[in-house]
């Protein structure tokens, strides 16, 4: 199974390390930071452009890169 990687814009920071992200196609999903971002304390702010891997149903995502 191939992971689906997309780009998006963080629109809102939610409690418990969750983020509301608007994808390039206009969909809004809930995403969380991947392990390396947490381990290295990379801050993700509203307005950041991020790359994320979508879940198979496309409603959730994992942020894998900020920048």
PDB file of N, CA and C in Angstrom:
ATOM      1  N   UNK A   1       0.843  -1.181   0.000  1.00  0.00           N
ATOM      2  CA  UNK A   1       0.000   0.000   0.000  1.00  0.00           C
ATOM      3  C   UNK A   1       0.885   1.241   0.000  1.00  0.00           C
ATOM      4  N   UNK A   2       0.639   2.153  -0.896  1.00  0.00           N
ATOM      5  CA  UNK A   2       1.444   3.356  -1.058  1.00  0.00           C
ATOM      6  C   UNK A   2       0.849   4.494  -0.240  1.00  0.00           C
ATOM      7  N   UNK A   3       1.722   5.202   0.497  1.00  0.00           N
ATOM      8  CA  UNK A   3       1.263   6.358   1.266  1.00  0.00           C
ATOM      9  C   UNK A   3       0.967   7.515   0.325  1.00  0.00           C
ATOM     10  N   UNK A   4      -0.074   8.265   0.648  1.00  0.00           N
ATOM     11  CA  UNK A   4      -0.453   9.432  -0.139  1.00  0.00           C
ATOM     12  C   UNK A   4       0.115  10.661   0.557  1.00  0.00           C
ATOM     13  N   UNK A   5       1.064  11.343  -0.091  1.00  0.00           N
ATOM     14  CA  UNK A   5       1.683  12.530   0.477  1.00  0.00           C
ATOM     15  C   UNK A   5       1.118  13.761  -0.212  1.00  0.00           C
ATOM     16  N   UNK A   6       0.675  14.735   0.583  1.00  0.00           N
ATOM     17  CA  UNK A   6       0.110  15.973   0.052  1.00  0.00           C
ATOM     18  C   UNK A   6       0.687  17.153   0.829  1.00  0.00           C
ATOM     19  N   UNK A   7       0.483  18.342   0.295  1.00  0.00           N
ATOM     20  CA  UNK A   7       0.905  19.560   0.976  1.00  0.00           C
ATOM     21  C   UNK A   7      -0.330  20.283   1.494  1.00  0.00           C
ATOM     22  N   UNK A   8      -0.140  21.031   2.578  1.00  0.00           N
ATOM     23  CA  UNK A   8      -1.252  21.765   3.148  1.00  0.00           C
ATOM     24  C   UNK A   8      -0.770  22.952   3.958  1.00  0.00           C
ATOM     25  N   UNK A   9      -1.721  23.719   4.455  1.00  0.00           N
ATOM     26  CA  UNK A   9      -1.458  24.917   5.241  1.00  0.00           C
ATOM     27  C   UNK A   9      -2.113  24.756   6.600  1.00  0.00           C
ATOM     28  N   UNK A  10      -1.339  24.932   7.661  1.00  0.00           N
ATOM     29  CA  UNK A  10      -1.879  24.827   9.018  1.00  0.00           C
ATOM     30  C   UNK A  10      -2.746  26.050   9.271  1.00  0.00           C
ATOM     31  N   UNK A  11      -4.015  25.838   9.569  1.00  0.00           N
ATOM     32  CA  UNK A  11      -4.933  26.948   9.805  1.00  0.00           C
ATOM     33  C   UNK A  11      -5.232  27.164  11.273  1.00  0.00           C
ATOM     34  N   UNK A  12      -5.105  26.117  12.093  1.00  0.00           N
ATOM     35  CA  UNK A  12      -5.465  26.241  13.508  1.00  0.00           C
ATOM     36  C   UNK A  12      -4.682  25.208  14.315  1.00  0.00           C
ATOM     37  N   UNK A  13      -4.279  25.612  15.510  1.00  0.00           N
ATOM     38  CA  UNK A  13      -3.607  24.698  16.426  1.00  0.00           C
ATOM     39  C   UNK A  13      -4.629  24.271  17.464  1.00  0.00           C
ATOM     40  N   UNK A  14      -4.789  22.966  17.638  1.00  0.00           N
ATOM     41  CA  UNK A  14      -5.775  22.393  18.551  1.00  0.00           C
ATOM     42  C   UNK A  14      -5.062  21.788  19.760  1.00  0.00           C
ATOM     43  N   UNK A  15      -5.783  21.501  20.840  1.00  0.00           N
ATOM     44  CA  UNK A  15      -5.161  20.860  22.003  1.00  0.00           C
ATOM     45  C   UNK A  15      -4.632  19.464  21.661  1.00  0.00           C
ATOM     46  N   UNK A  16      -3.766  18.947  22.516  1.00  0.00           N
ATOM     47  CA  UNK A  16      -3.209  17.588  22.408  1.00  0.00           C
ATOM     48  C   UNK A  16      -2.376  17.398  21.148  1.00  0.00           C
ATOM     49  N   UNK A  17      -1.622  18.420  20.752  1.00  0.00           N
ATOM     50  CA  UNK A  17      -0.703  18.338  19.606  1.00  0.00           C
ATOM     51  C   UNK A  17      -1.410  18.008  18.303  1.00  0.00           C
ATOM     52  N   UNK A  18      -2.628  18.471  18.140  1.00  0.00           N
ATOM     53  CA  UNK A  18      -3.357  18.288  16.880  1.00  0.00           C
ATOM     54  C   UNK A  18      -3.406  19.610  16.126  1.00  0.00           C
ATOM     55  N   UNK A  19      -3.552  19.507  14.818  1.00  0.00           N
ATOM     56  CA  UNK A  19      -3.575  20.682  13.965  1.00  0.00           C
ATOM     57  C   UNK A  19      -4.689  20.541  12.943  1.00  0.00           C
ATOM     58  N   UNK A  20      -5.334  21.664  12.617  1.00  0.00           N
ATOM     59  CA  UNK A  20      -6.309  21.686  11.534  1.00  0.00           C
ATOM     60  C   UNK A  20      -5.556  22.179  10.297  1.00  0.00           C
ATOM     61  N   UNK A  21      -5.579  21.372   9.237  1.00  0.00           N
ATOM     62  CA  UNK A  21      -4.780  21.651   8.043  1.00  0.00           C
ATOM     63  C   UNK A  21      -5.704  21.708   6.834  1.00  0.00           C
ATOM     64  N   UNK A  22      -5.518  22.762   6.023  1.00  0.00           N
ATOM     65  CA  UNK A  22      -6.255  22.865   4.762  1.00  0.00           C
ATOM     66  C   UNK A  22      -5.345  22.346   3.656  1.00  0.00           C
ATOM     67  N   UNK A  23      -5.809  21.316   2.961  1.00  0.00           N
ATOM     68  CA  UNK A  23      -5.027  20.716   1.890  1.00  0.00           C
ATOM     69  C   UNK A  23      -5.075  21.573   0.631  1.00  0.00           C
ATOM     70  N   UNK A  24      -4.220  21.244  -0.324  1.00  0.00           N
ATOM     71  CA  UNK A  24      -4.179  21.998  -1.577  1.00  0.00           C
ATOM     72  C   UNK A  24      -5.493  21.944  -2.329  1.00  0.00           C
ATOM     73  N   UNK A  25      -6.226  20.817  -2.184  1.00  0.00           N
ATOM     74  CA  UNK A  25      -7.498  20.686  -2.898  1.00  0.00           C
ATOM     75  C   UNK A  25      -8.662  21.338  -2.157  1.00  0.00           C
ATOM     76  N   UNK A  26      -8.405  21.957  -0.997  1.00  0.00           N
ATOM     77  CA  UNK A  26      -9.441  22.672  -0.261  1.00  0.00           C
ATOM     78  C   UNK A  26     -10.034  21.918   0.907  1.00  0.00           C
ATOM     79  N   UNK A  27      -9.807  20.605   0.993  1.00  0.00           N
ATOM     80  CA  UNK A  27     -10.317  19.830   2.127  1.00  0.00           C
ATOM     81  C   UNK A  27      -9.614  20.240   3.411  1.00  0.00           C
ATOM     82  N   UNK A  28     -10.341  20.175   4.523  1.00  0.00           N
ATOM     83  CA  UNK A  28      -9.777  20.478   5.833  1.00  0.00           C
ATOM     84  C   UNK A  28      -9.772  19.193   6.646  1.00  0.00           C
ATOM     85  N   UNK A  29      -8.597  18.844   7.187  1.00  0.00           N
ATOM     86  CA  UNK A  29      -8.458  17.617   7.961  1.00  0.00           C
ATOM     87  C   UNK A  29      -7.787  17.918   9.298  1.00  0.00           C
ATOM     88  N   UNK A  30      -7.792  16.926  10.181  1.00  0.00           N
ATOM     89  CA  UNK A  30      -7.080  16.983  11.445  1.00  0.00           C
ATOM     90  C   UNK A  30      -5.788  16.186  11.277  1.00  0.00           C
ATOM     91  N   UNK A  31      -4.663  16.758  11.733  1.00  0.00           N
ATOM     92  CA  UNK A  31      -3.379  16.081  11.591  1.00  0.00           C
ATOM     93  C   UNK A  31      -2.588  16.181  12.885  1.00  0.00           C
ATOM     94  N   UNK A  32      -1.622  15.267  13.028  1.00  0.00           N
ATOM     95  CA  UNK A  32      -0.733  15.304  14.187  1.00  0.00           C
ATOM     96  C   UNK A  32       0.706  15.256  13.690  1.00  0.00           C
ATOM     97  N   UNK A  33       1.640  15.689  14.532  1.00  0.00           N
ATOM     98  CA  UNK A  33       3.046  15.724  14.151  1.00  0.00           C
ATOM     99  C   UNK A  33       3.646  14.327  14.245  1.00  0.00           C
ATOM    100  N   UNK A  34       4.461  13.960  13.267  1.00  0.00           N
ATOM    101  CA  UNK A  34       5.135  12.660  13.263  1.00  0.00           C
ATOM    102  C   UNK A  34       6.208  12.629  14.347  1.00  0.00           C
ATOM    103  N   UNK A  35       6.726  11.450  14.614  1.00  0.00           N
ATOM    104  CA  UNK A  35       7.668  11.230  15.694  1.00  0.00           C
ATOM    105  C   UNK A  35       8.905  12.105  15.664  1.00  0.00           C
ATOM    106  N   UNK A  36       9.562  12.238  14.501  1.00  0.00           N
ATOM    107  CA  UNK A  36      10.789  13.028  14.421  1.00  0.00           C
ATOM    108  C   UNK A  36      10.536  14.503  14.742  1.00  0.00           C
ATOM    109  N   UNK A  37       9.367  15.019  14.341  1.00  0.00           N
ATOM    110  CA  UNK A  37       9.049  16.410  14.662  1.00  0.00           C
ATOM    111  C   UNK A  37       8.879  16.586  16.168  1.00  0.00           C
ATOM    112  N   UNK A  38       8.290  15.611  16.832  1.00  0.00           N
ATOM    113  CA  UNK A  38       8.130  15.674  18.290  1.00  0.00           C
ATOM    114  C   UNK A  38       9.469  15.516  18.999  1.00  0.00           C
ATOM    115  N   UNK A  39      10.267  14.541  18.549  1.00  0.00           N
ATOM    116  CA  UNK A  39      11.545  14.254  19.199  1.00  0.00           C
ATOM    117  C   UNK A  39      12.464  15.472  19.159  1.00  0.00           C
ATOM    118  N   UNK A  40      12.522  16.149  18.035  1.00  0.00           N
ATOM    119  CA  UNK A  40      13.421  17.292  17.871  1.00  0.00           C
ATOM    120  C   UNK A  40      12.759  18.617  18.214  1.00  0.00           C
ATOM    121  N   UNK A  41      11.556  18.580  18.784  1.00  0.00           N
ATOM    122  CA  UNK A  41      10.825  19.774  19.253  1.00  0.00           C
ATOM    123  C   UNK A  41      10.677  20.827  18.160  1.00  0.00           C
ATOM    124  N   UNK A  42      10.313  20.387  16.959  1.00  0.00           N
ATOM    125  CA  UNK A  42      10.058  21.302  15.846  1.00  0.00           C
ATOM    126  C   UNK A  42       8.691  21.933  16.073  1.00  0.00           C
ATOM    127  N   UNK A  43       8.659  23.246  16.123  1.00  0.00           N
ATOM    128  CA  UNK A  43       7.400  23.940  16.366  1.00  0.00           C
ATOM    129  C   UNK A  43       6.628  24.106  15.062  1.00  0.00           C
ATOM    130  N   UNK A  44       5.357  23.848  15.132  1.00  0.00           N
ATOM    131  CA  UNK A  44       4.467  24.038  13.981  1.00  0.00           C
ATOM    132  C   UNK A  44       3.472  25.117  14.371  1.00  0.00           C
ATOM    133  N   UNK A  45       3.454  26.191  13.610  1.00  0.00           N
ATOM    134  CA  UNK A  45       2.622  27.341  13.913  1.00  0.00           C
ATOM    135  C   UNK A  45       1.522  27.478  12.852  1.00  0.00           C
ATOM    136  N   UNK A  46       0.483  28.221  13.187  1.00  0.00           N
ATOM    137  CA  UNK A  46      -0.562  28.509  12.206  1.00  0.00           C
ATOM    138  C   UNK A  46       0.055  29.317  11.068  1.00  0.00           C
ATOM    139  N   UNK A  47      -0.254  28.945   9.847  1.00  0.00           N
ATOM    140  CA  UNK A  47       0.302  29.603   8.671  1.00  0.00           C
ATOM    141  C   UNK A  47       1.468  28.862   8.049  1.00  0.00           C
ATOM    142  N   UNK A  48       1.983  27.825   8.712  1.00  0.00           N
ATOM    143  CA  UNK A  48       3.090  27.043   8.169  1.00  0.00           C
ATOM    144  C   UNK A  48       2.607  26.140   7.042  1.00  0.00           C
ATOM    145  N   UNK A  49       3.451  25.971   6.032  1.00  0.00           N
ATOM    146  CA  UNK A  49       3.197  25.011   4.970  1.00  0.00           C
ATOM    147  C   UNK A  49       3.827  23.688   5.385  1.00  0.00           C
ATOM    148  N   UNK A  50       3.074  22.614   5.313  1.00  0.00           N
ATOM    149  CA  UNK A  50       3.544  21.308   5.766  1.00  0.00           C
ATOM    150  C   UNK A  50       3.269  20.255   4.701  1.00  0.00           C
ATOM    151  N   UNK A  51       4.047  19.171   4.778  1.00  0.00           N
ATOM    152  CA  UNK A  51       3.784  17.983   3.972  1.00  0.00           C
ATOM    153  C   UNK A  51       3.225  16.930   4.907  1.00  0.00           C
ATOM    154  N   UNK A  52       2.191  16.237   4.478  1.00  0.00           N
ATOM    155  CA  UNK A  52       1.603  15.215   5.340  1.00  0.00           C
ATOM    156  C   UNK A  52       1.229  13.979   4.575  1.00  0.00           C
ATOM    157  N   UNK A  53       1.143  12.887   5.325  1.00  0.00           N
ATOM    158  CA  UNK A  53       0.742  11.594   4.788  1.00  0.00           C
ATOM    159  C   UNK A  53      -0.689  11.351   5.241  1.00  0.00           C
ATOM    160  N   UNK A  54      -1.564  11.105   4.288  1.00  0.00           N
ATOM    161  CA  UNK A  54      -2.974  10.906   4.606  1.00  0.00           C
ATOM    162  C   UNK A  54      -3.252   9.467   5.016  1.00  0.00           C
ATOM    163  N   UNK A  55      -4.268   9.299   5.860  1.00  0.00           N
ATOM    164  CA  UNK A  55      -4.745   7.970   6.210  1.00  0.00           C
ATOM    165  C   UNK A  55      -5.511   7.410   5.009  1.00  0.00           C
ATOM    166  N   UNK A  56      -5.756   6.101   4.987  1.00  0.00           N
ATOM    167  CA  UNK A  56      -6.465   5.517   3.837  1.00  0.00           C
ATOM    168  C   UNK A  56      -7.846   6.131   3.586  1.00  0.00           C
ATOM    169  N   UNK A  57      -8.558   6.547   4.644  1.00  0.00           N
ATOM    170  CA  UNK A  57      -9.882   7.148   4.431  1.00  0.00           C
ATOM    171  C   UNK A  57      -9.795   8.629   4.063  1.00  0.00           C
ATOM    172  N   UNK A  58      -8.616   9.259   4.247  1.00  0.00           N
ATOM    173  CA  UNK A  58      -8.422  10.643   3.834  1.00  0.00           C
ATOM    174  C   UNK A  58      -8.938  11.682   4.794  1.00  0.00           C
ATOM    175  N   UNK A  59      -9.371  11.293   5.997  1.00  0.00           N
ATOM    176  CA  UNK A  59      -9.906  12.255   6.952  1.00  0.00           C
ATOM    177  C   UNK A  59      -8.891  12.706   7.996  1.00  0.00           C
ATOM    178  N   UNK A  60      -7.774  11.989   8.105  1.00  0.00           N
ATOM    179  CA  UNK A  60      -6.751  12.306   9.093  1.00  0.00           C
ATOM    180  C   UNK A  60      -5.401  12.281   8.410  1.00  0.00           C
ATOM    181  N   UNK A  61      -4.417  12.909   9.060  1.00  0.00           N
ATOM    182  CA  UNK A  61      -3.092  12.921   8.472  1.00  0.00           C
ATOM    183  C   UNK A  61      -2.004  13.011   9.502  1.00  0.00           C
ATOM    184  N   UNK A  62      -0.773  12.731   9.051  1.00  0.00           N
ATOM    185  CA  UNK A  62       0.415  12.797   9.897  1.00  0.00           C
ATOM    186  C   UNK A  62       1.377  13.783   9.250  1.00  0.00           C
ATOM    187  N   UNK A  63       1.739  14.836   9.950  1.00  0.00           N
ATOM    188  CA  UNK A  63       2.651  15.839   9.418  1.00  0.00           C
ATOM    189  C   UNK A  63       4.063  15.264   9.473  1.00  0.00           C
ATOM    190  N   UNK A  64       4.727  15.215   8.312  1.00  0.00           N
ATOM    191  CA  UNK A  64       6.060  14.633   8.234  1.00  0.00           C
ATOM    192  C   UNK A  64       7.135  15.660   7.915  1.00  0.00           C
ATOM    193  N   UNK A  65       6.763  16.869   7.455  1.00  0.00           N
ATOM    194  CA  UNK A  65       7.753  17.867   7.100  1.00  0.00           C
ATOM    195  C   UNK A  65       7.130  19.247   7.229  1.00  0.00           C
ATOM    196  N   UNK A  66       7.901  20.184   7.792  1.00  0.00           N
ATOM    197  CA  UNK A  66       7.452  21.577   7.890  1.00  0.00           C
ATOM    198  C   UNK A  66       8.396  22.425   7.073  1.00  0.00           C
ATOM    199  N   UNK A  67       7.828  23.219   6.186  1.00  0.00           N
ATOM    200  CA  UNK A  67       8.695  24.101   5.411  1.00  0.00           C
ATOM    201  C   UNK A  67       8.227  24.287   4.004  1.00  0.00           C
TER     202      UNK A  67
END
